[in-house]
Amino acid sequence: MTVIARPNETAENRLLAALPADEYGRLRPQLQGVEFSLGQVVYEFGGQLDYVFFPTDSIVSLLYTMENGTSAEMGLTGNDGIVGIALFMGGGTMPNRAVVQSAGTALRMKVNVLQDEFARGGKFQRLLLRYTQALITQISQTAVCNRLHSVEQQLCRWLLLSHDRVKADELIMTQELIADMLGVRREGVTVAAGRLQDSGAIRYIRGHIKILDRQKLEETVCECYKVVKTEFDRLLGE
């Protein structure tokens, strides 16, 4: 993780951008810019954090890893939220693993600063609780999607959720990492990505996925994407 001397503007994270001037004024000196690399582990299961992170143009996947080493994504966090919700919800350690899915930047804040501000109440507390509710919806819908829908539909959901959280049409992502995120075999990802490429929705070359036609992804994706997006917009759209 690289510390950035001049962090990105707060407006690039929806939670921080929604704060009133007085609450933001207390927090701004406590924010420090960092840069995440692809595949970087932000925290491990059972680990403790000194900082929480507000992604700006990076995406962090929340994973659960089984004893045999297999893993699956529970949810993802980008410029809509915060990494480390357990630390203001009363948990002292992390209940899952967090890995950088899309390289980029974030703003970090010391845990004690976050906890003190959360204890004040006010808009910051309400935003964090609303985000937590939205994230629970995403985690629940991911479980349903992984059980009931095709790999192609799961891949579309994952691509659209990722696209919503970055400002570019291109994602740097290997098939191995996508397979780990979805909890499926790499061969399944290869077939699903091939179908989407044949339809003209995406172009996939050597770990680079470019979204060519978002509408085609939305026509292919299952209902799970809309459920998650609607809930995030409802809770965080103010």
C-alpha atoms as a PDB file:
ATOM      1  CA  MET A   1       0.000   0.000   0.000  1.00  0.00           C
ATOM      2  CA  THR A   2       1.410   3.370  -1.039  1.00  0.00           C
ATOM      3  CA  VAL A   3       0.596   6.588   0.834  1.00  0.00           C
ATOM      4  CA  ILE A   4      -0.345   9.484  -1.452  1.00  0.00           C
ATOM      5  CA  ALA A   5       0.830  12.969  -0.528  1.00  0.00           C
ATOM      6  CA  ARG A   6      -2.202  14.627  -2.100  1.00  0.00           C
ATOM      7  CA  PRO A   7      -5.280  12.410  -1.838  1.00  0.00           C
ATOM      8  CA  ASN A   8      -8.194  12.489  -4.256  1.00  0.00           C
ATOM      9  CA  GLU A   9     -11.108  14.789  -3.603  1.00  0.00           C
ATOM     10  CA  THR A  10     -13.634  13.578  -1.060  1.00  0.00           C
ATOM     11  CA  ALA A  11     -16.466  13.844  -3.609  1.00  0.00           C
ATOM     12  CA  GLU A  12     -15.134  10.650  -5.204  1.00  0.00           C
ATOM     13  CA  ASN A  13     -16.494   8.682  -2.229  1.00  0.00           C
ATOM     14  CA  ARG A  14     -20.273   8.938  -1.877  1.00  0.00           C
ATOM     15  CA  LEU A  15     -20.347   8.564   1.898  1.00  0.00           C
ATOM     16  CA  LEU A  16     -17.856  11.345   2.531  1.00  0.00           C
ATOM     17  CA  ALA A  17     -19.342  13.563  -0.177  1.00  0.00           C
ATOM     18  CA  ALA A  18     -22.749  13.377   1.545  1.00  0.00           C
ATOM     19  CA  LEU A  19     -21.469  14.800   4.838  1.00  0.00           C
ATOM     20  CA  PRO A  20     -22.488  18.319   5.909  1.00  0.00           C
ATOM     21  CA  ALA A  21     -19.681  20.877   6.045  1.00  0.00           C
ATOM     22  CA  ASP A  22     -19.203  20.794   9.816  1.00  0.00           C
ATOM     23  CA  GLU A  23     -18.888  17.017  10.050  1.00  0.00           C
ATOM     24  CA  TYR A  24     -16.620  16.873   7.031  1.00  0.00           C
ATOM     25  CA  GLY A  25     -14.496  19.665   8.502  1.00  0.00           C
ATOM     26  CA  ARG A  26     -13.772  17.546  11.584  1.00  0.00           C
ATOM     27  CA  LEU A  27     -12.829  14.514   9.484  1.00  0.00           C
ATOM     28  CA  ARG A  28     -10.890  16.058   6.599  1.00  0.00           C
ATOM     29  CA  PRO A  29      -7.573  16.460   8.494  1.00  0.00           C
ATOM     30  CA  GLN A  30      -7.821  12.803   9.528  1.00  0.00           C
ATOM     31  CA  LEU A  31      -8.051  11.463   5.955  1.00  0.00           C
ATOM     32  CA  GLN A  32      -4.963  10.206   4.167  1.00  0.00           C
ATOM     33  CA  GLY A  33      -4.739   9.041   0.572  1.00  0.00           C
ATOM     34  CA  VAL A  34      -3.441   5.554  -0.249  1.00  0.00           C
ATOM     35  CA  GLU A  35      -3.026   3.559  -3.432  1.00  0.00           C
ATOM     36  CA  PHE A  36      -4.066  -0.087  -3.729  1.00  0.00           C
ATOM     37  CA  SER A  37      -2.544  -2.580  -6.168  1.00  0.00           C
ATOM     38  CA  LEU A  38      -4.498  -5.367  -7.889  1.00  0.00           C
ATOM     39  CA  GLY A  39      -4.792  -8.453  -5.693  1.00  0.00           C
ATOM     40  CA  GLN A  40      -3.514  -6.680  -2.582  1.00  0.00           C
ATOM     41  CA  VAL A  41      -4.884  -8.095   0.680  1.00  0.00           C
ATOM     42  CA  VAL A  42      -6.422  -5.300   2.756  1.00  0.00           C
ATOM     43  CA  TYR A  43      -7.086  -7.576   5.711  1.00  0.00           C
ATOM     44  CA  GLU A  44      -7.337 -11.271   6.564  1.00  0.00           C
ATOM     45  CA  PHE A  45     -10.046 -13.187   8.407  1.00  0.00           C
ATOM     46  CA  GLY A  46      -9.692 -12.598  12.144  1.00  0.00           C
ATOM     47  CA  GLY A  47      -7.288  -9.718  11.609  1.00  0.00           C
ATOM     48  CA  GLN A  48      -7.280  -6.341  13.279  1.00  0.00           C
ATOM     49  CA  LEU A  49      -7.158  -3.009  11.467  1.00  0.00           C
ATOM     50  CA  ASP A  50      -5.603   0.288  12.449  1.00  0.00           C
ATOM     51  CA  TYR A  51      -7.446   2.066   9.631  1.00  0.00           C
ATOM     52  CA  VAL A  52     -10.734   1.922   7.764  1.00  0.00           C
ATOM     53  CA  PHE A  53     -10.782   2.751   4.054  1.00  0.00           C
ATOM     54  CA  PHE A  54     -13.065   4.824   1.830  1.00  0.00           C
ATOM     55  CA  PRO A  55     -12.367   3.712  -1.773  1.00  0.00           C
ATOM     56  CA  THR A  56     -12.420   6.448  -4.400  1.00  0.00           C
ATOM     57  CA  ASP A  57     -11.578   4.706  -7.680  1.00  0.00           C
ATOM     58  CA  SER A  58     -10.592   1.267  -6.376  1.00  0.00           C
ATOM     59  CA  ILE A  59     -12.819  -1.740  -5.652  1.00  0.00           C
ATOM     60  CA  VAL A  60     -12.328  -4.118  -2.726  1.00  0.00           C
ATOM     61  CA  SER A  61     -13.904  -7.587  -2.653  1.00  0.00           C
ATOM     62  CA  LEU A  62     -15.101  -9.130   0.588  1.00  0.00           C
ATOM     63  CA  LEU A  63     -14.328 -12.851   0.462  1.00  0.00           C
ATOM     64  CA  TYR A  64     -14.899 -15.900   2.588  1.00  0.00           C
ATOM     65  CA  THR A  65     -12.226 -18.574   2.317  1.00  0.00           C
ATOM     66  CA  MET A  66     -12.881 -22.199   3.244  1.00  0.00           C
ATOM     67  CA  GLU A  67     -10.426 -24.488   5.025  1.00  0.00           C
ATOM     68  CA  ASN A  68      -9.458 -26.126   1.714  1.00  0.00           C
ATOM     69  CA  GLY A  69      -8.460 -22.761   0.269  1.00  0.00           C
ATOM     70  CA  THR A  70     -11.452 -22.195  -2.017  1.00  0.00           C
ATOM     71  CA  SER A  71     -13.119 -18.811  -1.754  1.00  0.00           C
ATOM     72  CA  ALA A  72     -16.137 -16.851  -2.941  1.00  0.00           C
ATOM     73  CA  GLU A  73     -17.055 -13.200  -2.931  1.00  0.00           C
ATOM     74  CA  MET A  74     -19.685 -12.076  -0.431  1.00  0.00           C
ATOM     75  CA  GLY A  75     -19.833  -8.497  -1.623  1.00  0.00           C
ATOM     76  CA  LEU A  76     -17.783  -5.639  -3.002  1.00  0.00           C
ATOM     77  CA  THR A  77     -17.100  -2.085  -1.920  1.00  0.00           C
ATOM     78  CA  GLY A  78     -16.131   0.839  -4.107  1.00  0.00           C
ATOM     79  CA  ASN A  79     -16.702   4.580  -4.094  1.00  0.00           C
ATOM     80  CA  ASP A  80     -20.113   3.947  -2.546  1.00  0.00           C
ATOM     81  CA  GLY A  81     -18.856   2.832   0.826  1.00  0.00           C
ATOM     82  CA  ILE A  82     -16.287   1.911   3.444  1.00  0.00           C
ATOM     83  CA  VAL A  83     -14.042  -1.100   4.080  1.00  0.00           C
ATOM     84  CA  GLY A  84     -14.095  -2.190   7.721  1.00  0.00           C
ATOM     85  CA  ILE A  85     -17.723  -1.962   8.888  1.00  0.00           C
ATOM     86  CA  ALA A  86     -17.075  -4.408  11.749  1.00  0.00           C
ATOM     87  CA  LEU A  87     -15.044  -1.722  13.490  1.00  0.00           C
ATOM     88  CA  PHE A  88     -18.016   0.594  14.061  1.00  0.00           C
ATOM     89  CA  MET A  89     -20.568  -2.215  14.467  1.00  0.00           C
ATOM     90  CA  GLY A  90     -18.928  -3.512  17.623  1.00  0.00           C
ATOM     91  CA  GLY A  91     -16.602  -6.184  16.274  1.00  0.00           C
ATOM     92  CA  GLY A  92     -12.943  -6.078  17.208  1.00  0.00           C
ATOM     93  CA  THR A  93     -11.715  -8.376  14.422  1.00  0.00           C
ATOM     94  CA  MET A  94     -12.624  -8.875  10.783  1.00  0.00           C
ATOM     95  CA  PRO A  95     -15.137 -11.640   9.901  1.00  0.00           C
ATOM     96  CA  ASN A  96     -13.909 -12.165   6.341  1.00  0.00           C
ATOM     97  CA  ARG A  97     -11.037 -11.439   3.934  1.00  0.00           C
ATOM     98  CA  ALA A  98     -10.737  -8.290   1.817  1.00  0.00           C
ATOM     99  CA  VAL A  99      -8.783  -8.234  -1.468  1.00  0.00           C
ATOM    100  CA  VAL A 100      -8.375  -5.445  -4.008  1.00  0.00           C
ATOM    101  CA  GLN A 101     -10.402  -6.369  -7.076  1.00  0.00           C
ATOM    102  CA  SER A 102      -9.639  -3.210  -9.067  1.00  0.00           C
ATOM    103  CA  ALA A 103      -6.475  -1.208  -8.428  1.00  0.00           C
ATOM    104  CA  GLY A 104      -6.810   2.447  -7.526  1.00  0.00           C
ATOM    105  CA  THR A 105      -6.956   4.874  -4.647  1.00  0.00           C
ATOM    106  CA  ALA A 106      -8.744   5.212  -1.325  1.00  0.00           C
ATOM    107  CA  LEU A 107      -8.843   7.484   1.692  1.00  0.00           C
ATOM    108  CA  ARG A 108      -7.969   5.957   5.033  1.00  0.00           C
ATOM    109  CA  MET A 109      -8.891   7.025   8.558  1.00  0.00           C
ATOM    110  CA  LYS A 110      -7.653   5.748  11.902  1.00  0.00           C
ATOM    111  CA  VAL A 111     -10.133   3.426  13.577  1.00  0.00           C
ATOM    112  CA  ASN A 112     -10.313   5.424  16.806  1.00  0.00           C
ATOM    113  CA  VAL A 113     -11.201   8.582  14.845  1.00  0.00           C
ATOM    114  CA  LEU A 114     -13.997   6.750  13.049  1.00  0.00           C
ATOM    115  CA  GLN A 115     -15.349   5.284  16.270  1.00  0.00           C
ATOM    116  CA  ASP A 116     -15.304   8.645  18.054  1.00  0.00           C
ATOM    117  CA  GLU A 117     -17.156  10.334  15.191  1.00  0.00           C
ATOM    118  CA  PHE A 118     -19.651   7.469  14.959  1.00  0.00           C
ATOM    119  CA  ALA A 119     -20.384   7.826  18.688  1.00  0.00           C
ATOM    120  CA  ARG A 120     -21.312  11.491  18.136  1.00  0.00           C
ATOM    121  CA  GLY A 121     -24.368  10.449  16.147  1.00  0.00           C
ATOM    122  CA  GLY A 122     -25.342  12.840  13.392  1.00  0.00           C
ATOM    123  CA  LYS A 123     -25.246  12.394   9.630  1.00  0.00           C
ATOM    124  CA  PHE A 124     -22.015  10.374   9.558  1.00  0.00           C
ATOM    125  CA  GLN A 125     -23.474   7.707  11.830  1.00  0.00           C
ATOM    126  CA  ARG A 126     -26.697   7.537   9.808  1.00  0.00           C
ATOM    127  CA  LEU A 127     -24.776   7.196   6.530  1.00  0.00           C
ATOM    128  CA  LEU A 128     -22.619   4.383   7.879  1.00  0.00           C
ATOM    129  CA  LEU A 129     -25.667   2.496   9.156  1.00  0.00           C
ATOM    130  CA  ARG A 130     -27.497   2.977   5.848  1.00  0.00           C
ATOM    131  CA  TYR A 131     -24.459   1.722   3.963  1.00  0.00           C
ATOM    132  CA  THR A 132     -24.281  -1.316   6.219  1.00  0.00           C
ATOM    133  CA  GLN A 133     -27.933  -2.107   5.486  1.00  0.00           C
ATOM    134  CA  ALA A 134     -27.277  -1.776   1.730  1.00  0.00           C
ATOM    135  CA  LEU A 135     -24.221  -4.025   1.994  1.00  0.00           C
ATOM    136  CA  ILE A 136     -26.242  -6.671   3.841  1.00  0.00           C
ATOM    137  CA  THR A 137     -28.692  -6.622   0.920  1.00  0.00           C
ATOM    138  CA  GLN A 138     -25.825  -7.103  -1.521  1.00  0.00           C
ATOM    139  CA  ILE A 139     -24.376 -10.011   0.474  1.00  0.00           C
ATOM    140  CA  SER A 140     -27.786 -11.689   0.750  1.00  0.00           C
ATOM    141  CA  GLN A 141     -28.527 -11.262  -2.954  1.00  0.00           C
ATOM    142  CA  THR A 142     -25.087 -12.592  -3.882  1.00  0.00           C
ATOM    143  CA  ALA A 143     -25.827 -15.800  -1.979  1.00  0.00           C
ATOM    144  CA  VAL A 144     -29.133 -16.193  -3.835  1.00  0.00           C
ATOM    145  CA  CYS A 145     -27.543 -15.414  -7.200  1.00  0.00           C
ATOM    146  CA  ASN A 146     -24.696 -17.881  -6.750  1.00  0.00           C
ATOM    147  CA  ARG A 147     -27.203 -20.604  -5.905  1.00  0.00           C
ATOM    148  CA  LEU A 148     -29.890 -20.005  -8.523  1.00  0.00           C
ATOM    149  CA  HIS A 149     -28.428 -18.259 -11.554  1.00  0.00           C
ATOM    150  CA  SER A 150     -26.051 -19.163 -14.375  1.00  0.00           C
ATOM    151  CA  VAL A 151     -22.366 -18.264 -14.406  1.00  0.00           C
ATOM    152  CA  GLU A 152     -23.063 -15.904 -17.310  1.00  0.00           C
ATOM    153  CA  GLN A 153     -25.691 -14.049 -15.283  1.00  0.00           C
ATOM    154  CA  GLN A 154     -23.412 -13.952 -12.243  1.00  0.00           C
ATOM    155  CA  LEU A 155     -20.603 -12.552 -14.372  1.00  0.00           C
ATOM    156  CA  CYS A 156     -22.932  -9.867 -15.761  1.00  0.00           C
ATOM    157  CA  ARG A 157     -23.990  -8.909 -12.219  1.00  0.00           C
ATOM    158  CA  TRP A 158     -20.386  -8.708 -11.131  1.00  0.00           C
ATOM    159  CA  LEU A 159     -19.359  -6.624 -14.156  1.00  0.00           C
ATOM    160  CA  LEU A 160     -22.232  -4.182 -13.743  1.00  0.00           C
ATOM    161  CA  LEU A 161     -21.661  -3.720 -10.009  1.00  0.00           C
ATOM    162  CA  SER A 162     -17.970  -3.124 -10.701  1.00  0.00           C
ATOM    163  CA  HIS A 163     -18.708  -0.733 -13.571  1.00  0.00           C
ATOM    164  CA  ASP A 164     -20.973   1.311 -11.290  1.00  0.00           C
ATOM    165  CA  ARG A 165     -18.066   1.844  -8.908  1.00  0.00           C
ATOM    166  CA  VAL A 166     -15.350   2.940 -11.343  1.00  0.00           C
ATOM    167  CA  LYS A 167     -15.244   5.700 -13.937  1.00  0.00           C
ATOM    168  CA  ALA A 168     -13.727   3.663 -16.746  1.00  0.00           C
ATOM    169  CA  ASP A 169     -15.113   1.035 -19.111  1.00  0.00           C
ATOM    170  CA  GLU A 170     -12.035  -1.161 -18.735  1.00  0.00           C
ATOM    171  CA  LEU A 171     -11.389  -3.497 -15.810  1.00  0.00           C
ATOM    172  CA  ILE A 172      -8.073  -5.236 -15.251  1.00  0.00           C
ATOM    173  CA  MET A 173      -8.971  -8.708 -14.029  1.00  0.00           C
ATOM    174  CA  THR A 174      -7.682 -12.226 -14.691  1.00  0.00           C
ATOM    175  CA  GLN A 175     -10.057 -15.153 -15.201  1.00  0.00           C
ATOM    176  CA  GLU A 176      -8.517 -16.859 -12.165  1.00  0.00           C
ATOM    177  CA  LEU A 177      -9.449 -13.920  -9.948  1.00  0.00           C
ATOM    178  CA  ILE A 178     -12.957 -13.712 -11.415  1.00  0.00           C
ATOM    179  CA  ALA A 179     -13.416 -17.443 -10.764  1.00  0.00           C
ATOM    180  CA  ASP A 180     -12.320 -16.956  -7.154  1.00  0.00           C
ATOM    181  CA  MET A 181     -14.735 -14.040  -6.733  1.00  0.00           C
ATOM    182  CA  LEU A 182     -17.694 -15.984  -8.123  1.00  0.00           C
ATOM    183  CA  GLY A 183     -16.702 -19.267  -6.500  1.00  0.00           C
ATOM    184  CA  VAL A 184     -16.815 -21.157  -9.809  1.00  0.00           C
ATOM    185  CA  ARG A 185     -14.355 -23.039 -12.019  1.00  0.00           C
ATOM    186  CA  ARG A 186     -12.157 -21.034 -14.354  1.00  0.00           C
ATOM    187  CA  GLU A 187     -13.568 -22.974 -17.312  1.00  0.00           C
ATOM    188  CA  GLY A 188     -17.030 -21.672 -16.460  1.00  0.00           C
ATOM    189  CA  VAL A 189     -15.762 -18.085 -16.519  1.00  0.00           C
ATOM    190  CA  THR A 190     -14.048 -18.732 -19.878  1.00  0.00           C
ATOM    191  CA  VAL A 191     -17.287 -19.959 -21.441  1.00  0.00           C
ATOM    192  CA  ALA A 192     -19.394 -17.150 -19.936  1.00  0.00           C
ATOM    193  CA  ALA A 193     -16.924 -14.434 -20.957  1.00  0.00           C
ATOM    194  CA  GLY A 194     -16.757 -15.930 -24.437  1.00  0.00           C
ATOM    195  CA  ARG A 195     -20.530 -15.715 -24.832  1.00  0.00           C
ATOM    196  CA  LEU A 196     -20.575 -12.105 -23.688  1.00  0.00           C
ATOM    197  CA  GLN A 197     -17.737 -11.291 -26.072  1.00  0.00           C
ATOM    198  CA  ASP A 198     -19.520 -12.992 -28.976  1.00  0.00           C
ATOM    199  CA  SER A 199     -22.622 -10.917 -28.247  1.00  0.00           C
ATOM    200  CA  GLY A 200     -20.587  -7.703 -28.400  1.00  0.00           C
ATOM    201  CA  ALA A 201     -21.160  -6.823 -24.752  1.00  0.00           C
ATOM    202  CA  ILE A 202     -17.488  -7.004 -23.715  1.00  0.00           C
ATOM    203  CA  ARG A 203     -13.995  -7.514 -25.073  1.00  0.00           C
ATOM    204  CA  TYR A 204     -11.654  -9.688 -23.035  1.00  0.00           C
ATOM    205  CA  ILE A 205      -7.920  -9.787 -23.815  1.00  0.00           C
ATOM    206  CA  ARG A 206      -5.176 -10.951 -21.425  1.00  0.00           C
ATOM    207  CA  GLY A 207      -6.739  -9.863 -18.174  1.00  0.00           C
ATOM    208  CA  HIS A 208      -8.368  -6.724 -19.569  1.00  0.00           C
ATOM    209  CA  ILE A 209     -12.160  -6.605 -19.738  1.00  0.00           C
ATOM    210  CA  LYS A 210     -13.636  -3.687 -21.671  1.00  0.00           C
ATOM    211  CA  ILE A 211     -17.369  -3.067 -21.475  1.00  0.00           C
ATOM    212  CA  LEU A 212     -18.500  -2.285 -25.024  1.00  0.00           C
ATOM    213  CA  ASP A 213     -22.286  -2.380 -24.623  1.00  0.00           C
ATOM    214  CA  ARG A 214     -23.637  -1.957 -21.103  1.00  0.00           C
ATOM    215  CA  GLN A 215     -27.223  -2.350 -22.296  1.00  0.00           C
ATOM    216  CA  LYS A 216     -26.494  -5.906 -23.473  1.00  0.00           C
ATOM    217  CA  LEU A 217     -25.139  -6.739 -20.033  1.00  0.00           C
ATOM    218  CA  GLU A 218     -28.293  -5.341 -18.450  1.00  0.00           C
ATOM    219  CA  GLU A 219     -30.438  -7.426 -20.817  1.00  0.00           C
ATOM    220  CA  THR A 220     -28.540 -10.605 -19.863  1.00  0.00           C
ATOM    221  CA  VAL A 221     -28.141 -10.072 -16.112  1.00  0.00           C
ATOM    222  CA  CYS A 222     -30.536 -11.627 -13.604  1.00  0.00           C
ATOM    223  CA  GLU A 223     -32.816  -9.636 -11.285  1.00  0.00           C
ATOM    224  CA  CYS A 224     -30.158  -9.625  -8.552  1.00  0.00           C
ATOM    225  CA  TYR A 225     -28.289  -6.649  -9.995  1.00  0.00           C
ATOM    226  CA  LYS A 226     -31.382  -4.429  -9.991  1.00  0.00           C
ATOM    227  CA  VAL A 227     -32.298  -5.447  -6.437  1.00  0.00           C
ATOM    228  CA  VAL A 228     -28.861  -4.437  -5.147  1.00  0.00           C
ATOM    229  CA  LYS A 229     -28.621  -1.213  -7.165  1.00  0.00           C
ATOM    230  CA  THR A 230     -32.119  -0.087  -6.180  1.00  0.00           C
ATOM    231  CA  GLU A 231     -31.378  -0.615  -2.490  1.00  0.00           C
ATOM    232  CA  PHE A 232     -28.071   1.265  -2.655  1.00  0.00           C
ATOM    233  CA  ASP A 233     -29.702   4.173  -4.483  1.00  0.00           C
ATOM    234  CA  ARG A 234     -32.600   4.240  -2.010  1.00  0.00           C
ATOM    235  CA  LEU A 235     -30.407   4.236   1.076  1.00  0.00           C
ATOM    236  CA  LEU A 236     -27.496   6.373  -0.149  1.00  0.00           C
ATOM    237  CA  GLY A 237     -29.137   8.543  -2.774  1.00  0.00           C
ATOM    238  CA  GLU A 238     -29.951  11.428  -0.485  1.00  0.00           C
END
